[in-house]
């Protein structure tokens, strides 16, 4: 930019180094598919910008900094921008419980479902998601295991259970089982 903050073209190729704070938290690329890693970007003669891409797989905040390395002299040789990296869309869930002791048939247990993206970041603010539970079986008399939905209504395993995920990517539900068996409770997106 010129001294009045107008976009202005450079009069010779001008090279900038690319960096982040904290350092080494991701990578810069020359293409949107993130196949060619770079550490510098060049604003070509008679141009006013250069395009580069940044890929990072951990959610959080960083500063991206460009610093003039060579070419046209600039009034301001370094500039930074703060970037918030948010989790990608939900890829999988984990199911945990604070109490891992044996559960009596007909009893209930509070469990936590955590949503994660493909890069293992908790999917913060995932919102309301239909989750289908599996892993426990119906009792010999036919009573199906359940988990409560966001409205606290019990929903049978194998059916979509609407859960409200908080800012940490977690949702609480109450598990009820009716068959005496060893189980591993699973959660998947959508309905069976």
C-alpha atoms as a PDB file:
ATOM      1  CA  UNK A   1       0.000   0.000   0.000  1.00  0.00           C
ATOM      2  CA  UNK A   2       1.055   3.583  -0.453  1.00  0.00           C
ATOM      3  CA  UNK A   3       1.414   6.141   2.366  1.00  0.00           C
ATOM      4  CA  UNK A   4      -2.345   6.827   2.160  1.00  0.00           C
ATOM      5  CA  UNK A   5      -3.244   3.112   2.598  1.00  0.00           C
ATOM      6  CA  UNK A   6      -4.224   2.641  -1.065  1.00  0.00           C
ATOM      7  CA  UNK A   7      -3.340  -0.635  -2.755  1.00  0.00           C
ATOM      8  CA  UNK A   8      -0.233  -0.022  -4.874  1.00  0.00           C
ATOM      9  CA  UNK A   9       1.763  -2.209  -7.270  1.00  0.00           C
ATOM     10  CA  UNK A  10       5.433  -2.946  -6.621  1.00  0.00           C
ATOM     11  CA  UNK A  11       8.018  -1.870  -9.210  1.00  0.00           C
ATOM     12  CA  UNK A  12      10.097  -5.039  -8.901  1.00  0.00           C
ATOM     13  CA  UNK A  13       9.610  -8.603  -7.699  1.00  0.00           C
ATOM     14  CA  UNK A  14       9.385  -8.433  -3.887  1.00  0.00           C
ATOM     15  CA  UNK A  15       9.904 -11.558  -1.775  1.00  0.00           C
ATOM     16  CA  UNK A  16       8.356 -12.097   1.664  1.00  0.00           C
ATOM     17  CA  UNK A  17       9.133 -14.794   4.235  1.00  0.00           C
ATOM     18  CA  UNK A  18       6.123 -16.492   5.795  1.00  0.00           C
ATOM     19  CA  UNK A  19       6.011 -17.423   9.475  1.00  0.00           C
ATOM     20  CA  UNK A  20       3.639 -18.089  12.364  1.00  0.00           C
ATOM     21  CA  UNK A  21       3.542 -17.446  16.087  1.00  0.00           C
ATOM     22  CA  UNK A  22       3.733 -19.854  17.748  1.00  0.00           C
ATOM     23  CA  UNK A  23       6.360 -21.116  15.322  1.00  0.00           C
ATOM     24  CA  UNK A  24       6.043 -24.319  13.279  1.00  0.00           C
ATOM     25  CA  UNK A  25       2.343 -24.780  13.953  1.00  0.00           C
ATOM     26  CA  UNK A  26       1.290 -25.488  10.385  1.00  0.00           C
ATOM     27  CA  UNK A  27       2.556 -25.096   6.837  1.00  0.00           C
ATOM     28  CA  UNK A  28       2.271 -22.629   3.975  1.00  0.00           C
ATOM     29  CA  UNK A  29       1.467 -23.791   0.436  1.00  0.00           C
ATOM     30  CA  UNK A  30       1.401 -22.311  -3.038  1.00  0.00           C
ATOM     31  CA  UNK A  31      -1.786 -24.208  -3.946  1.00  0.00           C
ATOM     32  CA  UNK A  32      -5.173 -24.733  -2.326  1.00  0.00           C
ATOM     33  CA  UNK A  33      -4.732 -28.523  -2.384  1.00  0.00           C
ATOM     34  CA  UNK A  34      -1.738 -28.110  -0.041  1.00  0.00           C
ATOM     35  CA  UNK A  35       0.647 -30.151  -2.200  1.00  0.00           C
ATOM     36  CA  UNK A  36       3.590 -27.714  -2.633  1.00  0.00           C
ATOM     37  CA  UNK A  37       4.979 -26.381   0.663  1.00  0.00           C
ATOM     38  CA  UNK A  38       6.596 -22.935   0.637  1.00  0.00           C
ATOM     39  CA  UNK A  39       8.308 -20.595   3.105  1.00  0.00           C
ATOM     40  CA  UNK A  40       8.238 -17.490   0.910  1.00  0.00           C
ATOM     41  CA  UNK A  41       5.768 -15.653  -1.318  1.00  0.00           C
ATOM     42  CA  UNK A  42       6.638 -13.220  -4.118  1.00  0.00           C
ATOM     43  CA  UNK A  43       4.678 -10.165  -5.209  1.00  0.00           C
ATOM     44  CA  UNK A  44       5.609  -9.930  -8.883  1.00  0.00           C
ATOM     45  CA  UNK A  45       6.624  -6.681 -10.584  1.00  0.00           C
ATOM     46  CA  UNK A  46       3.548  -4.519 -11.339  1.00  0.00           C
ATOM     47  CA  UNK A  47       1.360  -6.607  -8.998  1.00  0.00           C
ATOM     48  CA  UNK A  48       0.039  -5.648  -5.575  1.00  0.00           C
ATOM     49  CA  UNK A  49      -0.457  -9.051  -3.955  1.00  0.00           C
ATOM     50  CA  UNK A  50       0.649 -12.665  -3.783  1.00  0.00           C
ATOM     51  CA  UNK A  51      -1.507 -15.656  -2.974  1.00  0.00           C
ATOM     52  CA  UNK A  52      -0.524 -18.390  -0.556  1.00  0.00           C
ATOM     53  CA  UNK A  53      -2.391 -20.928   1.555  1.00  0.00           C
ATOM     54  CA  UNK A  54      -1.960 -22.045   5.146  1.00  0.00           C
ATOM     55  CA  UNK A  55      -2.935 -25.449   6.522  1.00  0.00           C
ATOM     56  CA  UNK A  56      -3.142 -26.266  10.191  1.00  0.00           C
ATOM     57  CA  UNK A  57      -4.775 -29.268  11.836  1.00  0.00           C
ATOM     58  CA  UNK A  58      -4.945 -28.162  15.484  1.00  0.00           C
ATOM     59  CA  UNK A  59      -7.687 -25.798  16.588  1.00  0.00           C
ATOM     60  CA  UNK A  60      -6.503 -22.589  18.244  1.00  0.00           C
ATOM     61  CA  UNK A  61      -5.198 -19.099  17.523  1.00  0.00           C
ATOM     62  CA  UNK A  62      -2.046 -18.136  15.651  1.00  0.00           C
ATOM     63  CA  UNK A  63      -0.482 -15.066  14.080  1.00  0.00           C
ATOM     64  CA  UNK A  64       0.567 -15.280  10.431  1.00  0.00           C
ATOM     65  CA  UNK A  65       3.440 -12.898   9.645  1.00  0.00           C
ATOM     66  CA  UNK A  66       4.894 -11.783   6.314  1.00  0.00           C
ATOM     67  CA  UNK A  67       8.296 -10.090   6.339  1.00  0.00           C
ATOM     68  CA  UNK A  68       9.955  -8.442   3.323  1.00  0.00           C
ATOM     69  CA  UNK A  69      13.115 -10.342   2.393  1.00  0.00           C
ATOM     70  CA  UNK A  70      14.147  -8.693  -0.867  1.00  0.00           C
ATOM     71  CA  UNK A  71      12.915  -6.499  -3.699  1.00  0.00           C
ATOM     72  CA  UNK A  72      11.243  -3.132  -3.411  1.00  0.00           C
ATOM     73  CA  UNK A  73      11.932  -1.192  -0.207  1.00  0.00           C
ATOM     74  CA  UNK A  74       8.772  -0.764   1.854  1.00  0.00           C
ATOM     75  CA  UNK A  75       7.818   1.679   4.583  1.00  0.00           C
ATOM     76  CA  UNK A  76       6.512  -1.234   6.634  1.00  0.00           C
ATOM     77  CA  UNK A  77       8.477  -4.431   6.035  1.00  0.00           C
ATOM     78  CA  UNK A  78       6.484  -6.752   8.340  1.00  0.00           C
ATOM     79  CA  UNK A  79       2.781  -7.315   8.860  1.00  0.00           C
ATOM     80  CA  UNK A  80       0.798  -9.875  10.853  1.00  0.00           C
ATOM     81  CA  UNK A  81      -2.753 -11.065  11.131  1.00  0.00           C
ATOM     82  CA  UNK A  82      -4.375 -13.086  13.912  1.00  0.00           C
ATOM     83  CA  UNK A  83      -6.086 -16.236  12.660  1.00  0.00           C
ATOM     84  CA  UNK A  84      -8.524 -18.448  14.560  1.00  0.00           C
ATOM     85  CA  UNK A  85      -8.431 -22.073  13.489  1.00  0.00           C
ATOM     86  CA  UNK A  86     -11.695 -23.844  14.202  1.00  0.00           C
ATOM     87  CA  UNK A  87     -12.326 -27.594  14.199  1.00  0.00           C
ATOM     88  CA  UNK A  88     -13.424 -29.243  10.974  1.00  0.00           C
ATOM     89  CA  UNK A  89     -16.841 -30.926  10.779  1.00  0.00           C
ATOM     90  CA  UNK A  90     -17.620 -33.826  13.114  1.00  0.00           C
ATOM     91  CA  UNK A  91     -15.928 -37.051  12.069  1.00  0.00           C
ATOM     92  CA  UNK A  92     -16.364 -39.373  15.058  1.00  0.00           C
ATOM     93  CA  UNK A  93     -17.506 -39.616  18.681  1.00  0.00           C
ATOM     94  CA  UNK A  94     -16.131 -41.037  21.913  1.00  0.00           C
ATOM     95  CA  UNK A  95     -18.307 -42.258  24.776  1.00  0.00           C
ATOM     96  CA  UNK A  96     -17.074 -41.943  28.372  1.00  0.00           C
ATOM     97  CA  UNK A  97     -18.495 -42.224  31.869  1.00  0.00           C
ATOM     98  CA  UNK A  98     -17.139 -40.922  35.158  1.00  0.00           C
ATOM     99  CA  UNK A  99     -18.478 -44.070  36.870  1.00  0.00           C
ATOM    100  CA  UNK A 100     -17.167 -47.276  35.298  1.00  0.00           C
ATOM    101  CA  UNK A 101     -18.504 -49.704  37.927  1.00  0.00           C
ATOM    102  CA  UNK A 102     -20.976 -52.449  37.006  1.00  0.00           C
ATOM    103  CA  UNK A 103     -24.457 -51.192  36.197  1.00  0.00           C
ATOM    104  CA  UNK A 104     -27.470 -53.145  37.438  1.00  0.00           C
ATOM    105  CA  UNK A 105     -30.043 -54.046  34.767  1.00  0.00           C
ATOM    106  CA  UNK A 106     -32.775 -51.426  34.722  1.00  0.00           C
ATOM    107  CA  UNK A 107     -30.334 -48.894  36.182  1.00  0.00           C
ATOM    108  CA  UNK A 108     -29.034 -45.727  34.589  1.00  0.00           C
ATOM    109  CA  UNK A 109     -25.685 -44.052  34.160  1.00  0.00           C
ATOM    110  CA  UNK A 110     -24.676 -40.565  33.039  1.00  0.00           C
ATOM    111  CA  UNK A 111     -22.399 -40.745  30.003  1.00  0.00           C
ATOM    112  CA  UNK A 112     -20.622 -38.098  27.966  1.00  0.00           C
ATOM    113  CA  UNK A 113     -20.379 -38.119  24.185  1.00  0.00           C
ATOM    114  CA  UNK A 114     -17.547 -36.030  22.731  1.00  0.00           C
ATOM    115  CA  UNK A 115     -17.525 -35.046  19.047  1.00  0.00           C
ATOM    116  CA  UNK A 116     -14.166 -34.883  17.218  1.00  0.00           C
ATOM    117  CA  UNK A 117     -13.076 -33.740  13.788  1.00  0.00           C
ATOM    118  CA  UNK A 118     -10.824 -35.770  11.479  1.00  0.00           C
ATOM    119  CA  UNK A 119      -7.739 -34.167  13.092  1.00  0.00           C
ATOM    120  CA  UNK A 120      -8.763 -35.222  16.636  1.00  0.00           C
ATOM    121  CA  UNK A 121      -9.844 -31.734  17.727  1.00  0.00           C
ATOM    122  CA  UNK A 122     -12.928 -31.618  19.944  1.00  0.00           C
ATOM    123  CA  UNK A 123     -15.645 -30.233  17.671  1.00  0.00           C
ATOM    124  CA  UNK A 124     -16.389 -27.081  19.655  1.00  0.00           C
ATOM    125  CA  UNK A 125     -19.893 -25.687  19.224  1.00  0.00           C
ATOM    126  CA  UNK A 126     -21.001 -28.666  17.134  1.00  0.00           C
ATOM    127  CA  UNK A 127     -24.618 -27.798  17.945  1.00  0.00           C
ATOM    128  CA  UNK A 128     -27.390 -30.367  17.931  1.00  0.00           C
ATOM    129  CA  UNK A 129     -26.526 -33.659  16.240  1.00  0.00           C
ATOM    130  CA  UNK A 130     -28.505 -36.864  15.749  1.00  0.00           C
ATOM    131  CA  UNK A 131     -26.448 -39.653  17.296  1.00  0.00           C
ATOM    132  CA  UNK A 132     -27.241 -43.366  17.055  1.00  0.00           C
ATOM    133  CA  UNK A 133     -26.139 -45.558  19.950  1.00  0.00           C
ATOM    134  CA  UNK A 134     -25.249 -49.252  19.710  1.00  0.00           C
ATOM    135  CA  UNK A 135     -23.378 -51.901  21.663  1.00  0.00           C
ATOM    136  CA  UNK A 136     -26.028 -52.997  24.177  1.00  0.00           C
ATOM    137  CA  UNK A 137     -28.826 -55.460  23.428  1.00  0.00           C
ATOM    138  CA  UNK A 138     -32.486 -55.698  24.376  1.00  0.00           C
ATOM    139  CA  UNK A 139     -33.417 -57.713  27.451  1.00  0.00           C
ATOM    140  CA  UNK A 140     -34.766 -61.276  27.024  1.00  0.00           C
ATOM    141  CA  UNK A 141     -38.223 -59.703  27.497  1.00  0.00           C
ATOM    142  CA  UNK A 142     -37.601 -57.240  24.641  1.00  0.00           C
ATOM    143  CA  UNK A 143     -36.867 -54.010  26.550  1.00  0.00           C
ATOM    144  CA  UNK A 144     -34.413 -52.018  24.453  1.00  0.00           C
ATOM    145  CA  UNK A 145     -31.467 -50.102  25.933  1.00  0.00           C
ATOM    146  CA  UNK A 146     -31.865 -46.325  25.713  1.00  0.00           C
ATOM    147  CA  UNK A 147     -30.049 -43.009  25.890  1.00  0.00           C
ATOM    148  CA  UNK A 148     -31.828 -39.751  26.658  1.00  0.00           C
ATOM    149  CA  UNK A 149     -32.050 -37.040  24.019  1.00  0.00           C
ATOM    150  CA  UNK A 150     -31.628 -33.279  24.487  1.00  0.00           C
ATOM    151  CA  UNK A 151     -35.239 -33.108  25.731  1.00  0.00           C
ATOM    152  CA  UNK A 152     -34.478 -35.859  28.296  1.00  0.00           C
ATOM    153  CA  UNK A 153     -36.735 -38.398  26.551  1.00  0.00           C
ATOM    154  CA  UNK A 154     -35.396 -41.963  26.369  1.00  0.00           C
ATOM    155  CA  UNK A 155     -34.627 -43.132  22.813  1.00  0.00           C
ATOM    156  CA  UNK A 156     -33.989 -46.793  21.945  1.00  0.00           C
ATOM    157  CA  UNK A 157     -30.588 -47.850  20.668  1.00  0.00           C
ATOM    158  CA  UNK A 158     -30.511 -47.918  16.874  1.00  0.00           C
ATOM    159  CA  UNK A 159     -32.692 -44.789  16.598  1.00  0.00           C
ATOM    160  CA  UNK A 160     -31.504 -41.217  16.083  1.00  0.00           C
ATOM    161  CA  UNK A 161     -31.003 -39.505  19.450  1.00  0.00           C
ATOM    162  CA  UNK A 162     -30.798 -35.709  19.213  1.00  0.00           C
ATOM    163  CA  UNK A 163     -27.989 -34.431  21.477  1.00  0.00           C
ATOM    164  CA  UNK A 164     -26.978 -30.819  22.154  1.00  0.00           C
ATOM    165  CA  UNK A 165     -23.187 -30.410  22.128  1.00  0.00           C
ATOM    166  CA  UNK A 166     -21.622 -27.630  24.204  1.00  0.00           C
ATOM    167  CA  UNK A 167     -18.692 -25.303  23.469  1.00  0.00           C
ATOM    168  CA  UNK A 168     -16.270 -28.117  24.403  1.00  0.00           C
ATOM    169  CA  UNK A 169     -17.800 -30.521  21.879  1.00  0.00           C
ATOM    170  CA  UNK A 170     -19.495 -32.594  24.590  1.00  0.00           C
ATOM    171  CA  UNK A 171     -23.074 -33.731  25.174  1.00  0.00           C
ATOM    172  CA  UNK A 172     -24.495 -35.486  28.210  1.00  0.00           C
ATOM    173  CA  UNK A 173     -26.998 -38.310  28.074  1.00  0.00           C
ATOM    174  CA  UNK A 174     -28.370 -40.958  30.424  1.00  0.00           C
ATOM    175  CA  UNK A 175     -27.788 -44.594  29.489  1.00  0.00           C
ATOM    176  CA  UNK A 176     -30.256 -47.287  30.574  1.00  0.00           C
ATOM    177  CA  UNK A 177     -29.585 -50.989  29.984  1.00  0.00           C
ATOM    178  CA  UNK A 178     -31.869 -53.981  30.601  1.00  0.00           C
ATOM    179  CA  UNK A 179     -29.835 -57.048  29.649  1.00  0.00           C
ATOM    180  CA  UNK A 180     -27.087 -58.519  31.839  1.00  0.00           C
ATOM    181  CA  UNK A 181     -24.066 -58.475  29.521  1.00  0.00           C
ATOM    182  CA  UNK A 182     -20.665 -56.891  29.012  1.00  0.00           C
ATOM    183  CA  UNK A 183     -21.064 -53.976  26.589  1.00  0.00           C
ATOM    184  CA  UNK A 184     -19.025 -51.336  24.787  1.00  0.00           C
ATOM    185  CA  UNK A 185     -21.321 -48.408  24.014  1.00  0.00           C
ATOM    186  CA  UNK A 186     -20.749 -46.833  20.602  1.00  0.00           C
ATOM    187  CA  UNK A 187     -22.035 -43.597  19.086  1.00  0.00           C
ATOM    188  CA  UNK A 188     -22.322 -42.795  15.383  1.00  0.00           C
ATOM    189  CA  UNK A 189     -23.734 -39.851  13.479  1.00  0.00           C
ATOM    190  CA  UNK A 190     -27.221 -40.111  11.996  1.00  0.00           C
ATOM    191  CA  UNK A 191     -29.645 -43.002  12.244  1.00  0.00           C
ATOM    192  CA  UNK A 192     -29.151 -46.747  11.841  1.00  0.00           C
END
